[in-house]
Amino acid sequence: MSTEPAQDSPSAAEPLLKVRGIDKHFGPVQALYHVDLDLYAGKVTALCGDNGAGKSVLTKCISGVYTPDHGQVFFEGQPVHIRTTRDASRLGVETVYQDLALCDNLDIVQNMFLGRERLRQGLLDEDSMEREAAKTLATLRVTTVRSIRQPVASLSGGQRQSVAIAKAVLWNSKLVIMDEPTAALGVVQTRMVLDLLELLRDRGLAVMVISHNLNDVFEVADRIAVLYLGRMVIQEELSRLDRQRVVEYMTTGGVGLGNTKAS
């Protein structure tokens, strides 16, 4: 089976981020085998796969949590080395993990600037941080929070996810990675988050979403990449696939698809 990334056209734009031949071991266990991945600016790419497929490991290799054993990462066409999360942030790669990494005892502004607080004459520049937080939330059309100074503990699941996304895009990010952003959310809150993803795409960001929810994937994604037992088995425009074929790639790696596989 070919796993070469599909090109949209002969003049398809260069991917914002390219992963080539990534391997990752944990002791005797190999989690990723020669993985390739393309992520494009202005597109939502869904990364799918069954439990243990390697989605989290690949995500952490891109975001600087893990260092790959072999392989190369290219960003904006240039080879880069992402050894830490700070390296990723400097490139413009921000990751929103499933636990959101928000502090319940802090308010929205404090969470958005956590670890990157602005100072003025040696003191916290609260006014500047409030203005920037409010501007970012307004740009993302996050209008349901009562106050940007309310504790994160008081927010709904959808609002918390929105704050985590706003925190990620506050720093001029170019690629936002989200791990199961709609998990455990209700219908209204899920709609809020999916609208946010579409807005990020429309603003020209590259977005990668790790999701088990194929309803969400088929609603918001432009492209899909499927991992199976640590191997990338398909990368394709979503319009060329249907749910049954995606499920088969996720559960069998594409075995049995015969001549119907899109790759």
C-alpha atoms as a PDB file:
ATOM      1  CA  MET A   1       0.000   0.000   0.000  1.00  0.00           C
ATOM      2  CA  SER A   2       1.306   3.454  -0.857  1.00  0.00           C
ATOM      3  CA  THR A   3       1.467   5.890   2.012  1.00  0.00           C
ATOM      4  CA  GLU A   4       2.849   8.793   0.021  1.00  0.00           C
ATOM      5  CA  PRO A   5       0.985  11.984   0.955  1.00  0.00           C
ATOM      6  CA  ALA A   6      -1.626  12.787  -1.644  1.00  0.00           C
ATOM      7  CA  GLN A   7      -1.083  16.004  -3.592  1.00  0.00           C
ATOM      8  CA  ASP A   8      -4.093  18.224  -4.149  1.00  0.00           C
ATOM      9  CA  SER A   9      -2.788  19.305  -7.553  1.00  0.00           C
ATOM     10  CA  PRO A  10       0.520  19.496  -9.386  1.00  0.00           C
ATOM     11  CA  SER A  11       1.001  22.966  -7.859  1.00  0.00           C
ATOM     12  CA  ALA A  12      -0.091  22.005  -4.382  1.00  0.00           C
ATOM     13  CA  ALA A  13       1.299  24.286  -1.736  1.00  0.00           C
ATOM     14  CA  GLU A  14       4.268  23.125   0.300  1.00  0.00           C
ATOM     15  CA  PRO A  15       3.153  21.729   3.662  1.00  0.00           C
ATOM     16  CA  LEU A  16       3.771  23.987   6.635  1.00  0.00           C
ATOM     17  CA  LEU A  17       5.134  20.979   8.506  1.00  0.00           C
ATOM     18  CA  LYS A  18       6.530  17.781   7.022  1.00  0.00           C
ATOM     19  CA  VAL A  19       7.496  14.720   9.018  1.00  0.00           C
ATOM     20  CA  ARG A  20       9.626  12.180   7.185  1.00  0.00           C
ATOM     21  CA  GLY A  21      10.657   8.699   8.321  1.00  0.00           C
ATOM     22  CA  ILE A  22      10.028   9.203  12.032  1.00  0.00           C
ATOM     23  CA  ASP A  23      10.863   6.236  14.271  1.00  0.00           C
ATOM     24  CA  LYS A  24      10.341   6.152  18.013  1.00  0.00           C
ATOM     25  CA  HIS A  25      11.262   3.380  20.449  1.00  0.00           C
ATOM     26  CA  PHE A  26      10.576   2.979  24.131  1.00  0.00           C
ATOM     27  CA  GLY A  27      13.032   0.315  25.189  1.00  0.00           C
ATOM     28  CA  PRO A  28      12.262  -2.800  23.134  1.00  0.00           C
ATOM     29  CA  VAL A  29       8.881  -1.430  22.018  1.00  0.00           C
ATOM     30  CA  GLN A  30       8.744   0.459  18.723  1.00  0.00           C
ATOM     31  CA  ALA A  31       5.858   2.939  18.769  1.00  0.00           C
ATOM     32  CA  LEU A  32       6.386   4.571  15.350  1.00  0.00           C
ATOM     33  CA  TYR A  33       7.729   3.051  12.125  1.00  0.00           C
ATOM     34  CA  HIS A  34       9.066   5.415   9.430  1.00  0.00           C
ATOM     35  CA  VAL A  35       6.087   7.760   9.747  1.00  0.00           C
ATOM     36  CA  ASP A  36       5.489  10.501   7.182  1.00  0.00           C
ATOM     37  CA  LEU A  37       2.977  13.305   7.759  1.00  0.00           C
ATOM     38  CA  ASP A  38       2.090  16.538   5.953  1.00  0.00           C
ATOM     39  CA  LEU A  39       0.249  19.404   7.648  1.00  0.00           C
ATOM     40  CA  TYR A  40      -0.920  22.305   5.504  1.00  0.00           C
ATOM     41  CA  ALA A  41      -1.631  25.908   6.442  1.00  0.00           C
ATOM     42  CA  GLY A  42      -5.319  26.746   6.114  1.00  0.00           C
ATOM     43  CA  LYS A  43      -6.392  23.115   6.472  1.00  0.00           C
ATOM     44  CA  VAL A  44      -7.649  20.918   9.288  1.00  0.00           C
ATOM     45  CA  THR A  45      -5.953  17.529   9.282  1.00  0.00           C
ATOM     46  CA  ALA A  46      -7.535  14.786  11.394  1.00  0.00           C
ATOM     47  CA  LEU A  47      -5.131  12.224  12.842  1.00  0.00           C
ATOM     48  CA  CYS A  48      -7.059   9.036  13.498  1.00  0.00           C
ATOM     49  CA  GLY A  49      -6.258   5.558  14.702  1.00  0.00           C
ATOM     50  CA  ASP A  50      -7.301   2.975  17.241  1.00  0.00           C
ATOM     51  CA  ASN A  51      -5.957   2.953  20.788  1.00  0.00           C
ATOM     52  CA  GLY A  52      -2.228   2.224  20.700  1.00  0.00           C
ATOM     53  CA  ALA A  53      -1.853   3.279  17.071  1.00  0.00           C
ATOM     54  CA  GLY A  54       0.789   5.882  17.963  1.00  0.00           C
ATOM     55  CA  LYS A  55      -1.223   9.106  17.710  1.00  0.00           C
ATOM     56  CA  SER A  56      -0.081  10.532  21.040  1.00  0.00           C
ATOM     57  CA  VAL A  57       3.544   9.529  20.437  1.00  0.00           C
ATOM     58  CA  LEU A  58       3.590  11.207  17.016  1.00  0.00           C
ATOM     59  CA  THR A  59       1.954  14.303  18.477  1.00  0.00           C
ATOM     60  CA  LYS A  60       4.544  14.490  21.243  1.00  0.00           C
ATOM     61  CA  CYS A  61       7.373  14.100  18.728  1.00  0.00           C
ATOM     62  CA  ILE A  62       6.039  17.108  16.806  1.00  0.00           C
ATOM     63  CA  SER A  63       5.446  19.180  19.942  1.00  0.00           C
ATOM     64  CA  GLY A  64       8.859  18.541  21.505  1.00  0.00           C
ATOM     65  CA  VAL A  65       7.831  16.267  24.378  1.00  0.00           C
ATOM     66  CA  TYR A  66       9.637  13.305  22.781  1.00  0.00           C
ATOM     67  CA  THR A  67      12.696  13.300  20.545  1.00  0.00           C
ATOM     68  CA  PRO A  68      12.409  10.882  17.596  1.00  0.00           C
ATOM     69  CA  ASP A  69      15.069   8.200  17.267  1.00  0.00           C
ATOM     70  CA  HIS A  70      15.291   8.669  13.505  1.00  0.00           C
ATOM     71  CA  GLY A  71      13.692  10.829  10.860  1.00  0.00           C
ATOM     72  CA  GLN A  72      13.446  14.496   9.979  1.00  0.00           C
ATOM     73  CA  VAL A  73      11.003  17.339  10.545  1.00  0.00           C
ATOM     74  CA  PHE A  74      10.689  20.235   8.103  1.00  0.00           C
ATOM     75  CA  PHE A  75       8.926  23.491   8.977  1.00  0.00           C
ATOM     76  CA  GLU A  76       8.175  26.026   6.261  1.00  0.00           C
ATOM     77  CA  GLY A  77      10.435  24.003   3.990  1.00  0.00           C
ATOM     78  CA  GLN A  78      13.454  24.070   6.305  1.00  0.00           C
ATOM     79  CA  PRO A  79      14.832  21.168   8.377  1.00  0.00           C
ATOM     80  CA  VAL A  80      14.320  21.779  12.082  1.00  0.00           C
ATOM     81  CA  HIS A  81      15.162  20.045  15.333  1.00  0.00           C
ATOM     82  CA  ILE A  82      12.367  20.083  17.906  1.00  0.00           C
ATOM     83  CA  ARG A  83      13.978  18.847  21.110  1.00  0.00           C
ATOM     84  CA  THR A  84      11.788  20.669  23.633  1.00  0.00           C
ATOM     85  CA  THR A  85       8.330  22.208  23.839  1.00  0.00           C
ATOM     86  CA  ARG A  86      10.035  25.614  23.790  1.00  0.00           C
ATOM     87  CA  ASP A  87      11.611  24.728  20.442  1.00  0.00           C
ATOM     88  CA  ALA A  88       8.127  23.931  19.130  1.00  0.00           C
ATOM     89  CA  SER A  89       6.676  27.162  20.529  1.00  0.00           C
ATOM     90  CA  ARG A  90       9.439  29.228  18.942  1.00  0.00           C
ATOM     91  CA  LEU A  91       8.474  27.775  15.551  1.00  0.00           C
ATOM     92  CA  GLY A  92       4.799  28.532  16.167  1.00  0.00           C
ATOM     93  CA  VAL A  93       3.650  25.023  17.137  1.00  0.00           C
ATOM     94  CA  GLU A  94       1.221  24.921  20.072  1.00  0.00           C
ATOM     95  CA  THR A  95      -0.500  21.831  21.458  1.00  0.00           C
ATOM     96  CA  VAL A  96      -3.733  21.612  23.432  1.00  0.00           C
ATOM     97  CA  TYR A  97      -3.726  18.300  25.268  1.00  0.00           C
ATOM     98  CA  GLN A  98      -6.848  16.485  26.404  1.00  0.00           C
ATOM     99  CA  ASP A  99      -6.341  17.574  30.014  1.00  0.00           C
ATOM    100  CA  LEU A 100      -6.068  21.191  28.703  1.00  0.00           C
ATOM    101  CA  ALA A 101      -3.290  22.028  31.231  1.00  0.00           C
ATOM    102  CA  LEU A 102      -5.372  24.804  32.770  1.00  0.00           C
ATOM    103  CA  CYS A 103      -5.142  25.819  36.435  1.00  0.00           C
ATOM    104  CA  ASP A 104      -8.581  25.870  38.040  1.00  0.00           C
ATOM    105  CA  ASN A 105      -7.508  28.288  40.768  1.00  0.00           C
ATOM    106  CA  LEU A 106      -6.389  30.947  38.261  1.00  0.00           C
ATOM    107  CA  ASP A 107      -8.583  33.191  36.130  1.00  0.00           C
ATOM    108  CA  ILE A 108      -8.724  33.234  32.340  1.00  0.00           C
ATOM    109  CA  VAL A 109      -6.071  35.931  31.875  1.00  0.00           C
ATOM    110  CA  GLN A 110      -3.685  34.270  34.326  1.00  0.00           C
ATOM    111  CA  ASN A 111      -4.083  30.943  32.515  1.00  0.00           C
ATOM    112  CA  MET A 112      -3.533  32.421  29.077  1.00  0.00           C
ATOM    113  CA  PHE A 113      -0.259  34.051  30.168  1.00  0.00           C
ATOM    114  CA  LEU A 114       0.890  31.324  32.558  1.00  0.00           C
ATOM    115  CA  GLY A 115       4.673  31.027  32.288  1.00  0.00           C
ATOM    116  CA  ARG A 116       4.794  33.951  29.829  1.00  0.00           C
ATOM    117  CA  GLU A 117       3.653  36.778  32.064  1.00  0.00           C
ATOM    118  CA  ARG A 118       4.254  40.323  30.863  1.00  0.00           C
ATOM    119  CA  LEU A 119       6.219  42.611  33.148  1.00  0.00           C
ATOM    120  CA  ARG A 120       6.414  46.370  33.386  1.00  0.00           C
ATOM    121  CA  GLN A 121       8.998  47.944  35.669  1.00  0.00           C
ATOM    122  CA  GLY A 122       9.404  44.625  37.436  1.00  0.00           C
ATOM    123  CA  LEU A 123       5.688  44.182  38.116  1.00  0.00           C
ATOM    124  CA  LEU A 124       3.002  42.181  36.322  1.00  0.00           C
ATOM    125  CA  ASP A 125       1.517  44.252  33.508  1.00  0.00           C
ATOM    126  CA  GLU A 126      -2.080  43.272  34.248  1.00  0.00           C
ATOM    127  CA  ASP A 127      -3.624  45.851  31.911  1.00  0.00           C
ATOM    128  CA  SER A 128      -1.600  44.707  28.910  1.00  0.00           C
ATOM    129  CA  MET A 129      -2.370  41.039  29.565  1.00  0.00           C
ATOM    130  CA  GLU A 130      -6.081  41.753  30.028  1.00  0.00           C
ATOM    131  CA  ARG A 131      -6.255  43.687  26.761  1.00  0.00           C
ATOM    132  CA  GLU A 132      -4.428  40.982  24.805  1.00  0.00           C
ATOM    133  CA  ALA A 133      -6.509  38.181  26.327  1.00  0.00           C
ATOM    134  CA  ALA A 134      -9.756  40.021  25.599  1.00  0.00           C
ATOM    135  CA  LYS A 135      -8.629  40.747  22.029  1.00  0.00           C
ATOM    136  CA  THR A 136      -7.736  37.112  21.373  1.00  0.00           C
ATOM    137  CA  LEU A 137     -11.017  35.823  22.789  1.00  0.00           C
ATOM    138  CA  ALA A 138     -12.956  38.355  20.728  1.00  0.00           C
ATOM    139  CA  THR A 139     -11.059  37.410  17.580  1.00  0.00           C
ATOM    140  CA  LEU A 140     -12.004  33.780  18.183  1.00  0.00           C
ATOM    141  CA  ARG A 141     -15.605  34.839  18.877  1.00  0.00           C
ATOM    142  CA  VAL A 142     -15.509  33.398  22.381  1.00  0.00           C
ATOM    143  CA  THR A 143     -18.367  35.447  23.808  1.00  0.00           C
ATOM    144  CA  THR A 144     -19.969  33.140  26.365  1.00  0.00           C
ATOM    145  CA  VAL A 145     -17.572  33.764  29.264  1.00  0.00           C
ATOM    146  CA  ARG A 146     -18.927  36.171  31.873  1.00  0.00           C
ATOM    147  CA  SER A 147     -15.595  37.845  32.559  1.00  0.00           C
ATOM    148  CA  ILE A 148     -11.985  37.257  31.562  1.00  0.00           C
ATOM    149  CA  ARG A 149     -11.220  37.462  35.273  1.00  0.00           C
ATOM    150  CA  GLN A 150     -13.487  34.595  36.281  1.00  0.00           C
ATOM    151  CA  PRO A 151     -11.753  31.456  37.597  1.00  0.00           C
ATOM    152  CA  VAL A 152     -11.321  28.684  35.072  1.00  0.00           C
ATOM    153  CA  ALA A 153     -12.943  26.342  37.616  1.00  0.00           C
ATOM    154  CA  SER A 154     -16.251  28.140  36.988  1.00  0.00           C
ATOM    155  CA  LEU A 155     -16.234  27.520  33.226  1.00  0.00           C
ATOM    156  CA  SER A 156     -18.152  24.861  31.308  1.00  0.00           C
ATOM    157  CA  GLY A 157     -16.304  22.181  29.362  1.00  0.00           C
ATOM    158  CA  GLY A 158     -16.741  24.031  26.083  1.00  0.00           C
ATOM    159  CA  GLN A 159     -15.593  27.303  27.608  1.00  0.00           C
ATOM    160  CA  ARG A 160     -12.510  25.630  29.092  1.00  0.00           C
ATOM    161  CA  GLN A 161     -11.646  24.162  25.705  1.00  0.00           C
ATOM    162  CA  SER A 162     -12.128  27.597  24.122  1.00  0.00           C
ATOM    163  CA  VAL A 163      -9.772  29.201  26.651  1.00  0.00           C
ATOM    164  CA  ALA A 164      -7.164  26.500  26.023  1.00  0.00           C
ATOM    165  CA  ILE A 165      -7.388  27.126  22.260  1.00  0.00           C
ATOM    166  CA  ALA A 166      -7.192  30.889  22.782  1.00  0.00           C
ATOM    167  CA  LYS A 167      -4.102  30.369  24.937  1.00  0.00           C
ATOM    168  CA  ALA A 168      -2.533  28.362  22.109  1.00  0.00           C
ATOM    169  CA  VAL A 169      -3.172  30.978  19.407  1.00  0.00           C
ATOM    170  CA  LEU A 170      -2.220  33.959  21.592  1.00  0.00           C
ATOM    171  CA  TRP A 171       1.458  33.488  20.734  1.00  0.00           C
ATOM    172  CA  ASN A 172       1.274  33.948  16.943  1.00  0.00           C
ATOM    173  CA  SER A 173       1.096  30.217  16.422  1.00  0.00           C
ATOM    174  CA  LYS A 174       1.120  28.759  12.925  1.00  0.00           C
ATOM    175  CA  LEU A 175       0.191  25.171  13.791  1.00  0.00           C
ATOM    176  CA  VAL A 176      -2.274  24.240  16.519  1.00  0.00           C
ATOM    177  CA  ILE A 177      -2.529  20.580  17.552  1.00  0.00           C
ATOM    178  CA  MET A 178      -5.567  19.451  19.544  1.00  0.00           C
ATOM    179  CA  ASP A 179      -5.960  16.122  21.299  1.00  0.00           C
ATOM    180  CA  GLU A 180      -9.590  14.954  21.426  1.00  0.00           C
ATOM    181  CA  PRO A 181     -10.951  18.514  21.713  1.00  0.00           C
ATOM    182  CA  THR A 182     -14.620  17.448  21.868  1.00  0.00           C
ATOM    183  CA  ALA A 183     -14.251  14.470  24.217  1.00  0.00           C
ATOM    184  CA  ALA A 184     -16.882  14.520  26.972  1.00  0.00           C
ATOM    185  CA  LEU A 185     -18.546  17.667  25.600  1.00  0.00           C
ATOM    186  CA  GLY A 186     -22.261  18.056  24.987  1.00  0.00           C
ATOM    187  CA  VAL A 187     -23.809  18.932  21.631  1.00  0.00           C
ATOM    188  CA  VAL A 188     -23.769  22.718  22.115  1.00  0.00           C
ATOM    189  CA  GLN A 189     -20.241  22.758  23.511  1.00  0.00           C
ATOM    190  CA  THR A 190     -19.004  20.489  20.718  1.00  0.00           C
ATOM    191  CA  ARG A 191     -20.479  22.881  18.161  1.00  0.00           C
ATOM    192  CA  MET A 192     -18.635  25.755  19.834  1.00  0.00           C
ATOM    193  CA  VAL A 193     -15.303  23.952  19.589  1.00  0.00           C
ATOM    194  CA  LEU A 194     -15.827  22.821  15.976  1.00  0.00           C
ATOM    195  CA  ASP A 195     -16.666  26.400  15.013  1.00  0.00           C
ATOM    196  CA  LEU A 196     -13.391  27.475  16.636  1.00  0.00           C
ATOM    197  CA  LEU A 197     -11.440  24.928  14.602  1.00  0.00           C
ATOM    198  CA  GLU A 198     -13.022  26.198  11.398  1.00  0.00           C
ATOM    199  CA  LEU A 199     -12.170  29.759  12.393  1.00  0.00           C
ATOM    200  CA  LEU A 200      -8.523  28.840  12.958  1.00  0.00           C
ATOM    201  CA  ARG A 201      -8.433  27.224   9.525  1.00  0.00           C
ATOM    202  CA  ASP A 202     -10.056  30.288   7.945  1.00  0.00           C
ATOM    203  CA  ARG A 203      -7.376  32.465   9.569  1.00  0.00           C
ATOM    204  CA  GLY A 204      -4.757  30.434   7.695  1.00  0.00           C
ATOM    205  CA  LEU A 205      -3.442  28.307  10.550  1.00  0.00           C
ATOM    206  CA  ALA A 206      -2.595  24.653  10.131  1.00  0.00           C
ATOM    207  CA  VAL A 207      -4.710  22.585  12.517  1.00  0.00           C
ATOM    208  CA  MET A 208      -4.215  18.953  13.476  1.00  0.00           C
ATOM    209  CA  VAL A 209      -6.983  17.269  15.432  1.00  0.00           C
ATOM    210  CA  ILE A 210      -6.573  13.889  17.105  1.00  0.00           C
ATOM    211  CA  SER A 211     -10.049  12.392  17.322  1.00  0.00           C
ATOM    212  CA  HIS A 212     -11.945   9.132  17.629  1.00  0.00           C
ATOM    213  CA  ASN A 213     -15.198  10.878  16.731  1.00  0.00           C
ATOM    214  CA  LEU A 214     -15.709  10.386  13.004  1.00  0.00           C
ATOM    215  CA  ASN A 215     -18.799  12.593  13.057  1.00  0.00           C
ATOM    216  CA  ASP A 216     -16.589  15.501  14.112  1.00  0.00           C
ATOM    217  CA  VAL A 217     -13.840  14.460  11.687  1.00  0.00           C
ATOM    218  CA  PHE A 218     -16.147  14.396   8.677  1.00  0.00           C
ATOM    219  CA  GLU A 219     -17.689  17.714   9.670  1.00  0.00           C
ATOM    220  CA  VAL A 220     -14.571  19.790  10.177  1.00  0.00           C
ATOM    221  CA  ALA A 221     -11.520  18.095   8.589  1.00  0.00           C
ATOM    222  CA  ASP A 222     -10.105  18.764   5.138  1.00  0.00           C
ATOM    223  CA  ARG A 223      -7.597  15.909   5.237  1.00  0.00           C
ATOM    224  CA  ILE A 224      -7.218  12.696   7.186  1.00  0.00           C
ATOM    225  CA  ALA A 225      -4.180  10.709   8.240  1.00  0.00           C
ATOM    226  CA  VAL A 226      -4.617   7.257   9.775  1.00  0.00           C
ATOM    227  CA  LEU A 227      -2.072   5.459  11.929  1.00  0.00           C
ATOM    228  CA  TYR A 228      -2.250   1.707  12.401  1.00  0.00           C
ATOM    229  CA  LEU A 229       0.113  -0.032  14.825  1.00  0.00           C
ATOM    230  CA  GLY A 230       2.647   2.776  14.528  1.00  0.00           C
ATOM    231  CA  ARG A 231       2.545   3.026  10.732  1.00  0.00           C
ATOM    232  CA  MET A 232       0.937   5.726   8.600  1.00  0.00           C
ATOM    233  CA  VAL A 233      -1.393   3.798   6.309  1.00  0.00           C
ATOM    234  CA  ILE A 234      -3.217   6.607   4.536  1.00  0.00           C
ATOM    235  CA  GLN A 235      -3.083  10.364   4.026  1.00  0.00           C
ATOM    236  CA  GLU A 236      -5.812  11.718   1.832  1.00  0.00           C
ATOM    237  CA  GLU A 237      -8.276  14.501   1.185  1.00  0.00           C
ATOM    238  CA  LEU A 238     -11.360  13.684   3.247  1.00  0.00           C
ATOM    239  CA  SER A 239     -13.632  14.224   0.250  1.00  0.00           C
ATOM    240  CA  ARG A 240     -12.126  11.089  -1.327  1.00  0.00           C
ATOM    241  CA  LEU A 241     -12.990   8.841   1.606  1.00  0.00           C
ATOM    242  CA  ASP A 242     -16.083   7.600   3.370  1.00  0.00           C
ATOM    243  CA  ARG A 243     -16.521   6.548   6.979  1.00  0.00           C
ATOM    244  CA  GLN A 244     -16.450   2.841   6.299  1.00  0.00           C
ATOM    245  CA  ARG A 245     -13.095   3.044   4.564  1.00  0.00           C
ATOM    246  CA  VAL A 246     -11.658   5.192   7.340  1.00  0.00           C
ATOM    247  CA  VAL A 247     -12.844   2.650   9.908  1.00  0.00           C
ATOM    248  CA  GLU A 248     -11.226  -0.149   7.915  1.00  0.00           C
ATOM    249  CA  TYR A 249      -7.916   1.717   7.776  1.00  0.00           C
ATOM    250  CA  MET A 250      -8.138   2.307  11.529  1.00  0.00           C
ATOM    251  CA  THR A 251      -8.972  -1.293  12.401  1.00  0.00           C
ATOM    252  CA  THR A 252      -7.094  -3.321   9.776  1.00  0.00           C
ATOM    253  CA  GLY A 253      -4.545  -0.949   8.281  1.00  0.00           C
ATOM    254  CA  GLY A 254      -6.340  -1.200   4.953  1.00  0.00           C
ATOM    255  CA  VAL A 255      -6.073  -4.979   4.575  1.00  0.00           C
ATOM    256  CA  GLY A 256      -8.967  -6.216   2.480  1.00  0.00           C
ATOM    257  CA  LEU A 257      -9.722  -2.890   0.796  1.00  0.00           C
ATOM    258  CA  GLY A 258      -8.302  -4.251  -2.423  1.00  0.00           C
ATOM    259  CA  ASN A 259      -8.510  -1.877  -5.368  1.00  0.00           C
ATOM    260  CA  THR A 260     -10.859   0.475  -3.541  1.00  0.00           C
ATOM    261  CA  LYS A 261      -8.175   2.032  -1.376  1.00  0.00           C
ATOM    262  CA  ALA A 262      -7.527   5.708  -1.951  1.00  0.00           C
ATOM    263  CA  SER A 263      -3.809   6.214  -1.762  1.00  0.00           C
END
